[in-house]
Structure formats: structure tokens, C-alpha cells
C-alpha atoms as a PDB file:
ATOM      1  CA  MET A   1      81.879 114.026  79.691  1.00  0.00           C
ATOM      2  CA  GLU A   2      78.419 115.536  80.053  1.00  0.00           C
ATOM      3  CA  ASN A   3      76.841 118.043  77.667  1.00  0.00           C
ATOM      4  CA  GLY A   4      80.051 118.126  75.604  1.00  0.00           C
ATOM      5  CA  LEU A   5      82.059 119.699  78.440  1.00  0.00           C
ATOM      6  CA  LEU A   6      85.400 118.375  79.592  1.00  0.00           C
ATOM      7  CA  PRO A   7      85.806 117.330  83.214  1.00  0.00           C
ATOM      8  CA  LEU A   8      87.480 120.022  85.281  1.00  0.00           C
ATOM      9  CA  ASP A   9      90.193 117.647  86.458  1.00  0.00           C
ATOM     10  CA  ARG A  10      91.442 116.929  82.917  1.00  0.00           C
ATOM     11  CA  ILE A  11      94.987 118.127  82.324  1.00  0.00           C
ATOM     12  CA  PRO A  12      95.250 120.020  79.014  1.00  0.00           C
ATOM     13  CA  ALA A  13      97.463 118.276  76.470  1.00  0.00           C
ATOM     14  CA  VAL A  14      98.977 121.573  75.250  1.00  0.00           C
ATOM     15  CA  LYS A  15     101.093 123.940  77.315  1.00  0.00           C
ATOM     16  CA  ARG A  16     103.436 126.813  76.539  1.00  0.00           C
ATOM     17  CA  VAL A  17     107.178 126.461  76.914  1.00  0.00           C
ATOM     18  CA  GLY A  18     109.289 129.520  77.677  1.00  0.00           C
ATOM     19  CA  THR A  19     111.842 130.631  75.100  1.00  0.00           C
ATOM     20  CA  SER A  20     114.793 133.019  74.981  1.00  0.00           C
ATOM     21  CA  SER A  21     113.440 134.897  71.941  1.00  0.00           C
ATOM     22  CA  LEU A  22     110.344 136.999  71.347  1.00  0.00           C
ATOM     23  CA  THR A  23     110.159 135.636  67.807  1.00  0.00           C
ATOM     24  CA  VAL A  24     110.147 131.981  68.872  1.00  0.00           C
ATOM     25  CA  PHE A  25     107.039 130.373  70.322  1.00  0.00           C
ATOM     26  CA  SER A  26     107.079 126.903  71.814  1.00  0.00           C
ATOM     27  CA  LEU A  27     104.460 124.381  72.883  1.00  0.00           C
ATOM     28  CA  GLU A  28     104.572 120.956  74.483  1.00  0.00           C
ATOM     29  CA  ILE A  29     101.958 118.343  73.625  1.00  0.00           C
ATOM     30  CA  SER A  30     101.517 115.339  75.885  1.00  0.00           C
ATOM     31  CA  GLY A  31      98.865 112.977  77.173  1.00  0.00           C
ATOM     32  CA  GLU A  32      95.598 112.695  75.292  1.00  0.00           C
ATOM     33  CA  PHE A  33      95.238 115.325  72.555  1.00  0.00           C
ATOM     34  CA  ASN A  34      91.685 116.000  71.370  1.00  0.00           C
ATOM     35  CA  ALA A  35      89.640 118.647  69.549  1.00  0.00           C
ATOM     36  CA  ALA A  36      89.518 120.914  72.619  1.00  0.00           C
ATOM     37  CA  ASP A  37      93.312 120.807  72.791  1.00  0.00           C
ATOM     38  CA  ALA A  38      93.527 121.704  69.090  1.00  0.00           C
ATOM     39  CA  GLU A  39      91.284 124.707  69.762  1.00  0.00           C
ATOM     40  CA  ASN A  40      93.465 125.663  72.739  1.00  0.00           C
ATOM     41  CA  MET A  41      96.540 125.367  70.509  1.00  0.00           C
ATOM     42  CA  CYS A  42      94.844 127.588  67.922  1.00  0.00           C
ATOM     43  CA  GLY A  43      94.172 130.227  70.594  1.00  0.00           C
ATOM     44  CA  LEU A  44      97.713 130.122  71.959  1.00  0.00           C
ATOM     45  CA  LEU A  45      99.138 130.533  68.462  1.00  0.00           C
ATOM     46  CA  ALA A  46      96.720 133.379  67.682  1.00  0.00           C
ATOM     47  CA  GLY A  47      98.027 135.171  70.766  1.00  0.00           C
ATOM     48  CA  ALA A  48     101.603 134.643  69.595  1.00  0.00           C
ATOM     49  CA  TYR A  49     100.751 136.056  66.151  1.00  0.00           C
ATOM     50  CA  THR A  50      99.292 139.137  67.822  1.00  0.00           C
ATOM     51  CA  LEU A  51     102.598 139.825  69.558  1.00  0.00           C
ATOM     52  CA  LYS A  52     104.823 139.040  66.556  1.00  0.00           C
ATOM     53  CA  ASN A  53     103.543 138.794  62.986  1.00  0.00           C
ATOM     54  CA  ARG A  54     106.217 136.244  61.981  1.00  0.00           C
ATOM     55  CA  ILE A  55     107.437 133.576  64.384  1.00  0.00           C
ATOM     56  CA  ASN A  56     109.390 130.365  64.490  1.00  0.00           C
ATOM     57  CA  LEU A  57     107.600 127.535  66.254  1.00  0.00           C
ATOM     58  CA  LEU A  58     108.934 124.583  68.235  1.00  0.00           C
ATOM     59  CA  VAL A  59     106.494 121.862  69.262  1.00  0.00           C
ATOM     60  CA  ARG A  60     107.760 119.240  71.694  1.00  0.00           C
ATOM     61  CA  ILE A  61     105.747 116.008  71.611  1.00  0.00           C
ATOM     62  CA  ASN A  62     106.337 114.146  74.831  1.00  0.00           C
ATOM     63  CA  GLY A  63     104.416 111.111  76.065  1.00  0.00           C
ATOM     64  CA  LEU A  64     101.508 111.531  73.680  1.00  0.00           C
ATOM     65  CA  LYS A  65      98.993 108.751  74.381  1.00  0.00           C
ATOM     66  CA  SER A  66      96.369 109.627  71.777  1.00  0.00           C
ATOM     67  CA  PHE A  67      95.694 112.181  69.060  1.00  0.00           C
ATOM     68  CA  ASP A  68      92.044 112.563  68.068  1.00  0.00           C
ATOM     69  CA  THR A  69      90.754 115.718  66.380  1.00  0.00           C
ATOM     70  CA  THR A  70      87.545 114.243  64.948  1.00  0.00           C
ATOM     71  CA  GLY A  71      85.463 116.765  66.916  1.00  0.00           C
ATOM     72  CA  LEU A  72      87.402 119.759  65.622  1.00  0.00           C
ATOM     73  CA  ALA A  73      85.284 122.121  63.533  1.00  0.00           C
ATOM     74  CA  ALA A  74      86.405 122.218  59.903  1.00  0.00           C
ATOM     75  CA  GLU A  75      86.559 126.035  60.006  1.00  0.00           C
ATOM     76  CA  THR A  76      88.826 125.952  63.079  1.00  0.00           C
ATOM     77  CA  ALA A  77      91.177 123.481  61.382  1.00  0.00           C
ATOM     78  CA  SER A  78      91.225 125.624  58.227  1.00  0.00           C
ATOM     79  CA  GLN A  79      91.895 128.777  60.252  1.00  0.00           C
ATOM     80  CA  LEU A  80      94.754 127.073  62.096  1.00  0.00           C
ATOM     81  CA  ARG A  81      96.389 126.065  58.791  1.00  0.00           C
ATOM     82  CA  ARG A  82      95.774 129.470  57.188  1.00  0.00           C
ATOM     83  CA  ASP A  83      97.209 131.364  60.151  1.00  0.00           C
ATOM     84  CA  ALA A  84     100.212 129.059  60.447  1.00  0.00           C
ATOM     85  CA  SER A  85     101.025 129.466  56.751  1.00  0.00           C
ATOM     86  CA  GLN A  86     100.887 133.273  57.128  1.00  0.00           C
ATOM     87  CA  HIS A  87     102.742 133.641  60.419  1.00  0.00           C
ATOM     88  CA  VAL A  88     105.118 130.693  60.951  1.00  0.00           C
ATOM     89  CA  GLU A  89     108.468 130.886  59.181  1.00  0.00           C
ATOM     90  CA  ARG A  90     110.025 127.696  60.554  1.00  0.00           C
ATOM     91  CA  CYS A  91     108.560 124.880  62.578  1.00  0.00           C
ATOM     92  CA  ALA A  92     110.543 122.288  64.507  1.00  0.00           C
ATOM     93  CA  LEU A  93     108.713 119.209  65.753  1.00  0.00           C
ATOM     94  CA  VAL A  94     110.515 117.271  68.474  1.00  0.00           C
ATOM     95  CA  ASP A  95     109.022 113.790  68.684  1.00  0.00           C
ATOM     96  CA  ASP A  96     109.742 111.197  71.337  1.00  0.00           C
ATOM     97  CA  GLY A  97     108.939 108.418  68.870  1.00  0.00           C
ATOM     98  CA  GLY A  98     106.058 107.135  66.821  1.00  0.00           C
ATOM     99  CA  GLU A  99     103.949 109.011  64.301  1.00  0.00           C
ATOM    100  CA  ALA A 100     102.889 111.941  66.474  1.00  0.00           C
ATOM    101  CA  ALA A 101     104.962 114.502  64.556  1.00  0.00           C
ATOM    102  CA  SER A 102     103.131 113.653  61.334  1.00  0.00           C
ATOM    103  CA  TYR A 103      99.768 114.250  63.061  1.00  0.00           C
ATOM    104  CA  VAL A 104     100.881 117.652  64.346  1.00  0.00           C
ATOM    105  CA  ALA A 105     102.372 118.567  60.963  1.00  0.00           C
ATOM    106  CA  ALA A 106      99.084 117.678  59.255  1.00  0.00           C
ATOM    107  CA  LEU A 107      97.182 119.803  61.777  1.00  0.00           C
ATOM    108  CA  LEU A 108      99.434 122.808  61.046  1.00  0.00           C
ATOM    109  CA  GLY A 109      99.232 122.332  57.277  1.00  0.00           C
ATOM    110  CA  SER A 110     101.594 121.655  54.415  1.00  0.00           C
ATOM    111  CA  ASP A 111     102.543 125.270  53.635  1.00  0.00           C
ATOM    112  CA  LEU A 112     105.160 125.440  56.398  1.00  0.00           C
ATOM    113  CA  GLU A 113     108.863 124.778  56.514  1.00  0.00           C
ATOM    114  CA  VAL A 114     108.679 121.879  58.981  1.00  0.00           C
ATOM    115  CA  ARG A 115     111.554 119.794  60.213  1.00  0.00           C
ATOM    116  CA  THR A 116     111.175 116.837  62.562  1.00  0.00           C
ATOM    117  CA  PHE A 117     113.768 116.014  65.209  1.00  0.00           C
ATOM    118  CA  ALA A 118     114.081 112.978  67.476  1.00  0.00           C
ATOM    119  CA  GLY A 119     113.817 113.603  71.197  1.00  0.00           C
ATOM    120  CA  THR A 120     117.591 113.159  71.476  1.00  0.00           C
ATOM    121  CA  GLU A 121     118.050 115.996  68.938  1.00  0.00           C
ATOM    122  CA  GLU A 122     116.098 118.647  70.835  1.00  0.00           C
ATOM    123  CA  ASP A 123     119.142 120.948  71.095  1.00  0.00           C
ATOM    124  CA  GLN A 124     119.362 120.907  67.298  1.00  0.00           C
ATOM    125  CA  ALA A 125     115.655 121.739  67.052  1.00  0.00           C
ATOM    126  CA  TRP A 126     116.116 124.775  69.300  1.00  0.00           C
ATOM    127  CA  ALA A 127     119.063 125.902  67.166  1.00  0.00           C
ATOM    128  CA  TYR A 128     116.906 125.477  64.044  1.00  0.00           C
ATOM    129  CA  VAL A 129     114.282 127.917  65.389  1.00  0.00           C
ATOM    130  CA  GLY A 130     116.878 130.257  66.895  1.00  0.00           C
ATOM    131  CA  ALA A 131     116.251 130.088  70.637  1.00  0.00           C
ATOM    132  CA  VAL A 132     116.691 128.033  73.770  1.00  0.00           C
ATOM    133  CA  GLU A 133     114.168 126.926  76.347  1.00  0.00           C
ATOM    134  CA  VAL A 134     113.837 129.184  79.372  1.00  0.00           C
ATOM    135  CA  ALA A 135     112.239 127.379  82.315  1.00  0.00           C
ATOM    136  CA  GLY A 136     109.547 129.345  84.109  1.00  0.00           C
ATOM    137  CA  LYS A 137     109.135 131.911  81.327  1.00  0.00           C
ATOM    138  CA  VAL A 138     105.942 131.723  79.282  1.00  0.00           C
END
């Protein structure tokens, strides 16, 4: 990493997941999550809030190797929490094990209705937010 820039061959840790509902937004987090990924997540959510003022959110955590947001600007973290508290009605975190869901929940803030599901309960998580995954649709 030179001059604070990420290498071009780095795979982002956050990607959108297609859903069957315009009021449900879904993300998958995997690999090595860092401050740049948190900023990317903030931007993706801001776009979702532009389309629908109130959304349900499902975050699938799959194969997360590390979670480090030490480089995230305090204002960006505050904005992410503020926006989530204003725009997210329900949040389902699907965790494949470990403490990753608690890290994501802390990043989103404590003012949300958050429920954590095991990876084997993903169908229940989708039901909780009111949608199903639609492959290829983002």
C-alpha cells in the first residue's frame, strides 16, 4: 500500500446482494474488512436510502478473515450510525461463526432493531427482513 491507496488487485470485502423487494437492501461481507470497505459500505447504504427512505437490511458475513476499521474517520463512522438509525427499520446479520456480527452491529450503531442469525438460519433472516435473495439482481 503506497500513499494510502489500496492495490488495484484487492477484492472489496463488501458487495451487494440482489433482493426480491425494493425496500430490502442486502450486503455480503467477506475477506479482509478495513476502513475503505466501511466507507464503501457507507456509500452503498447512502444510495439505498436515496431510493427508499426506510429499508430493511440483511448483512451476510461469510468467510470474514479480519475486521479492522481503525483508519475510518470518526465523522464517517458517526454518519453511518446516524443514517442507519434514521433509515433502517430492521437489520438481520447472518454470521458464519465467530464474533463478526458483533463488529458489524457496532459499526451500524445501537439504535437499530438488529437480530443475528447463524449461517444455517439464513432463510429465517430473509423472512425477518421480508425478502428473498435474487441471484444476479443488484
